[in-house]
Amino acid sequence: MAMHHPDTRLLNEYAAGTLPLAQSVCISLHLNYCDQCKRTVHKLQKMAAAMFEDLSPKQVDDSLLSTVFARIDEEPEPLRYAPPAQTEDGYPSLVQRLMHRDYHDLEWQRMSSNLRISRLRTGDQDNEFALYHIKAGGTIPTHTHKGNELTLVLEGGFSDDEGHYTQGDFLFRDASHQHNPTADQDGDCICIGVLDAPIKFTDWKYRAVNPFLKLRAE
């Protein structure tokens, strides 16, 4: 059972459909493990639907409607992640792939003796979506964030100064947080990291790398 959850703001934005795509996928995966947050999202959606029904209809002139349709036609087609974008149970296909732990054919980049990263395409041009594979007992060097980071544990677990996290747990970190995640000793940890800006290493041994860290959103 998940013990760490998205806050109310994130769940509100997820229910309203206003979260960036990569962040929304991360929340969707957490809901797969967390009945508590799933119920909260359902209540928020019901409340929004009830409020929408109470709104009075507004007349829309033809010129505005034509403008909306023109913008839809001009929008570039988003990047797709095969198989099709959504499955019968309503989850995006990327969520289903990760839920089924289909990791073997992904392209992994070795970052250190303890860490491998596989960046996945979500079609979100502003947020990097990646899998982090941390070797049992391995540590990611101490860092903070230039923006926001969403993390969800898929397998195993890790710890930092604020707690211990296992399958289904969700974390939100921003520039006010500094941590060095360390995987549990009894097994490797695989988690999702969603970034809207590069991390920033604070350990003096790694600071020279900071200028070269780039966000790879796609």
Protein backbone atom coordinates (compact mmCIF):
# COMPACT_ATOMS: atom_id res chain seq x y z
CA MET A 1 0.00 0.00 0.00
CA ALA A 2 1.33 3.43 -0.96
CA MET A 3 2.24 5.63 2.02
CA HIS A 4 3.30 8.80 0.17
CA HIS A 5 0.86 10.63 -2.09
CA PRO A 6 0.41 13.63 -4.42
CA ASP A 7 -0.89 16.72 -2.65
CA THR A 8 -4.38 18.15 -3.22
CA ARG A 9 -3.17 20.66 -5.81
CA LEU A 10 -1.70 17.97 -8.04
CA LEU A 11 -4.77 15.75 -7.71
CA ASN A 12 -7.01 18.71 -8.53
CA GLU A 13 -5.02 19.51 -11.68
CA TYR A 14 -4.96 15.84 -12.67
CA ALA A 15 -8.75 15.54 -12.26
CA ALA A 16 -9.23 18.74 -14.26
CA GLY A 17 -6.97 17.51 -17.04
CA THR A 18 -4.63 20.50 -16.76
CA LEU A 19 -1.43 18.71 -15.72
CA PRO A 20 1.34 18.36 -18.31
CA LEU A 21 1.17 14.96 -19.99
CA ALA A 22 4.31 13.45 -18.42
CA GLN A 23 3.20 14.49 -14.93
CA SER A 24 -0.27 13.13 -15.61
CA VAL A 25 1.17 9.73 -16.55
CA CYS A 26 3.09 9.68 -13.26
CA ILE A 27 -0.11 10.40 -11.31
CA SER A 28 -1.97 7.71 -13.29
CA LEU A 29 0.58 5.13 -12.25
CA HIS A 30 0.29 6.15 -8.61
CA LEU A 31 -3.50 5.70 -8.79
CA ASN A 32 -2.91 2.12 -9.92
CA TYR A 33 -1.34 1.47 -6.50
CA CYS A 34 -3.42 3.82 -4.33
CA ASP A 35 -7.17 3.42 -3.77
CA GLN A 36 -7.16 6.45 -1.47
CA CYS A 37 -6.03 8.86 -4.19
CA LYS A 38 -8.19 7.10 -6.77
CA ARG A 39 -11.27 7.80 -4.63
CA THR A 40 -10.19 11.43 -4.17
CA VAL A 41 -9.82 11.93 -7.92
CA HIS A 42 -13.23 10.35 -8.52
CA LYS A 43 -14.84 12.74 -6.01
CA LEU A 44 -13.12 15.74 -7.59
CA GLN A 45 -14.33 14.72 -11.04
CA LYS A 46 -17.91 14.27 -9.77
CA MET A 47 -17.80 17.70 -8.11
CA ALA A 48 -16.50 19.30 -11.31
CA ALA A 49 -19.21 17.57 -13.37
CA ALA A 50 -21.92 18.80 -10.99
CA MET A 51 -20.57 22.37 -11.14
CA PHE A 52 -20.44 22.19 -14.94
CA GLU A 53 -24.10 21.10 -15.12
CA ASP A 54 -25.10 24.16 -13.09
CA LEU A 55 -23.52 26.57 -15.57
CA SER A 56 -25.81 28.48 -17.89
CA PRO A 57 -25.18 27.90 -21.61
CA LYS A 58 -23.44 30.73 -23.46
CA GLN A 59 -23.98 31.74 -27.05
CA VAL A 60 -20.87 31.33 -29.21
CA ASP A 61 -20.65 33.28 -32.45
CA ASP A 62 -19.57 31.62 -35.69
CA SER A 63 -16.27 33.50 -35.93
CA LEU A 64 -15.06 32.16 -32.57
CA LEU A 65 -16.07 28.63 -33.51
CA SER A 66 -14.18 28.94 -36.82
CA THR A 67 -11.09 30.17 -34.96
CA VAL A 68 -11.18 27.17 -32.60
CA PHE A 69 -11.50 24.68 -35.47
CA ALA A 70 -8.66 26.40 -37.35
CA ARG A 71 -6.37 26.09 -34.34
CA ILE A 72 -7.20 22.40 -34.02
CA ASP A 73 -6.27 21.85 -37.67
CA GLU A 74 -2.98 23.71 -37.17
CA GLU A 75 -1.87 21.79 -34.09
CA PRO A 76 1.00 19.37 -34.86
CA GLU A 77 0.26 15.73 -34.21
CA PRO A 78 1.69 14.72 -30.82
CA LEU A 79 4.37 12.08 -30.57
CA ARG A 80 2.94 8.61 -30.05
CA TYR A 81 4.19 5.80 -27.90
CA ALA A 82 3.15 2.42 -29.38
CA PRO A 83 0.85 0.58 -28.82
CA PRO A 84 -2.22 2.85 -29.21
CA ALA A 85 -2.61 5.81 -26.90
CA GLN A 86 -5.20 4.27 -24.57
CA THR A 87 -6.27 0.82 -23.49
CA GLU A 88 -9.74 -0.53 -22.79
CA ASP A 89 -9.53 0.13 -19.06
CA GLY A 90 -8.83 3.82 -19.65
CA TYR A 91 -5.12 3.88 -18.80
CA PRO A 92 -2.67 5.38 -21.35
CA SER A 93 -0.70 2.64 -23.08
CA LEU A 94 2.54 3.93 -21.58
CA VAL A 95 1.04 3.41 -18.12
CA GLN A 96 0.01 -0.14 -19.02
CA ARG A 97 3.52 -0.91 -20.31
CA LEU A 98 5.11 0.24 -17.06
CA MET A 99 2.50 -1.50 -14.92
CA HIS A 100 3.40 -4.75 -16.67
CA ARG A 101 7.11 -4.10 -16.00
CA ASP A 102 8.03 -4.43 -19.66
CA TYR A 103 11.52 -2.98 -19.26
CA HIS A 104 13.76 -5.46 -21.05
CA ASP A 105 13.64 -3.90 -24.52
CA LEU A 106 14.14 -0.29 -23.40
CA GLU A 107 17.29 1.64 -24.23
CA TRP A 108 19.26 2.18 -21.02
CA GLN A 109 22.06 4.71 -20.55
CA ARG A 110 24.66 3.91 -17.90
CA MET A 111 25.28 7.01 -15.76
CA SER A 112 27.46 5.44 -13.05
CA SER A 113 28.20 2.07 -11.50
CA ASN A 114 24.96 2.43 -9.50
CA LEU A 115 22.59 4.15 -11.92
CA ARG A 116 21.05 3.54 -15.35
CA ILE A 117 18.46 5.80 -17.01
CA SER A 118 15.97 5.11 -19.79
CA ARG A 119 14.19 8.20 -21.16
CA LEU A 120 10.75 7.55 -22.62
CA ARG A 121 8.75 9.53 -25.17
CA THR A 122 5.42 10.88 -23.90
CA GLY A 123 4.85 13.70 -26.38
CA ASP A 124 5.36 16.26 -23.58
CA GLN A 125 7.83 18.85 -24.85
CA ASP A 126 8.32 20.49 -21.43
CA ASN A 127 8.86 17.55 -19.08
CA GLU A 128 11.45 14.78 -19.18
CA PHE A 129 10.02 11.35 -18.36
CA ALA A 130 12.57 8.69 -17.43
CA LEU A 131 13.04 5.40 -15.64
CA TYR A 132 15.82 5.26 -13.05
CA HIS A 133 17.35 1.88 -12.24
CA ILE A 134 19.37 2.16 -9.03
CA LYS A 135 21.52 -0.82 -8.08
CA ALA A 136 20.83 -2.37 -4.65
CA GLY A 137 22.53 -0.19 -2.03
CA GLY A 138 23.47 2.36 -4.69
CA THR A 139 23.19 6.10 -4.12
CA ILE A 140 22.39 9.02 -6.41
CA PRO A 141 24.72 11.94 -5.45
CA THR A 142 23.24 14.72 -3.33
CA HIS A 143 21.30 17.17 -5.48
CA THR A 144 18.57 19.78 -5.50
CA HIS A 145 16.30 20.86 -8.35
CA LYS A 146 16.15 23.86 -10.66
CA GLY A 147 12.46 23.11 -11.15
CA ASN A 148 10.06 20.38 -10.02
CA GLU A 149 10.61 16.64 -9.85
CA LEU A 150 7.89 13.99 -9.54
CA THR A 151 9.03 10.51 -8.52
CA LEU A 152 7.11 7.24 -8.35
CA VAL A 153 8.57 3.93 -7.16
CA LEU A 154 7.76 0.99 -9.44
CA GLU A 155 9.96 -1.72 -7.94
CA GLY A 156 12.09 -2.07 -4.83
CA GLY A 157 12.58 0.96 -2.62
CA PHE A 158 14.88 3.79 -1.64
CA SER A 159 15.47 6.18 1.23
CA ASP A 160 16.50 9.81 1.64
CA ASP A 161 16.66 12.23 4.59
CA GLU A 162 12.86 12.54 4.65
CA GLY A 163 11.80 8.90 4.61
CA HIS A 164 11.66 5.47 3.04
CA TYR A 165 9.70 4.82 -0.16
CA THR A 166 8.48 1.59 -1.70
CA GLN A 167 6.27 0.46 -4.61
CA GLY A 168 3.55 2.98 -5.43
CA ASP A 169 4.94 5.79 -3.29
CA PHE A 170 4.87 9.26 -4.84
CA LEU A 171 7.27 12.13 -4.12
CA PHE A 172 7.30 15.79 -5.11
CA ARG A 173 10.57 17.72 -4.87
CA ASP A 174 11.44 21.31 -5.81
CA ALA A 175 14.29 23.77 -5.30
CA SER A 176 13.65 23.79 -1.54
CA HIS A 177 14.57 20.08 -1.29
CA GLN A 178 18.01 18.49 -1.26
CA HIS A 179 18.44 14.73 -1.11
CA ASN A 180 20.57 11.75 -2.11
CA PRO A 181 18.30 8.74 -2.77
CA THR A 182 19.81 5.40 -1.71
CA ALA A 183 18.32 2.11 -2.91
CA ASP A 184 17.48 -0.61 -0.39
CA GLN A 185 20.20 -3.16 0.23
CA ASP A 186 18.00 -6.15 -0.56
CA GLY A 187 17.18 -5.31 -4.19
CA ASP A 188 17.44 -2.93 -7.10
CA CYS A 189 15.07 0.05 -7.28
CA ILE A 190 13.24 1.15 -10.43
CA CYS A 191 11.38 4.44 -10.29
CA ILE A 192 9.97 7.13 -12.56
CA GLY A 193 11.39 10.64 -12.54
CA VAL A 194 9.56 13.52 -14.22
CA LEU A 195 11.54 16.77 -14.49
CA ASP A 196 10.64 20.20 -15.85
CA ALA A 197 14.21 21.45 -15.34
CA PRO A 198 17.60 19.76 -14.81
CA ILE A 199 18.74 18.68 -11.36
CA LYS A 200 21.64 20.48 -9.68
CA PHE A 201 24.36 18.50 -7.87
CA THR A 202 25.42 20.06 -4.58
CA ASP A 203 28.22 17.62 -3.69
CA TRP A 204 31.51 19.33 -4.61
CA LYS A 205 32.72 16.20 -6.44
CA TYR A 206 29.91 16.53 -9.00
CA ARG A 207 29.34 20.31 -9.28
CA ALA A 208 31.51 20.54 -12.39
CA VAL A 209 28.87 18.45 -14.20
CA ASN A 210 26.02 20.94 -13.57
CA PRO A 211 26.60 23.21 -16.62
CA PHE A 212 26.31 20.18 -18.89
CA LEU A 213 23.04 18.84 -17.49
CA LYS A 214 20.22 19.34 -19.98
CA LEU A 215 16.53 18.52 -19.90
CA ARG A 216 15.59 15.89 -22.49
CA ALA A 217 11.86 16.27 -22.89
CA GLU A 218 10.10 14.61 -25.84
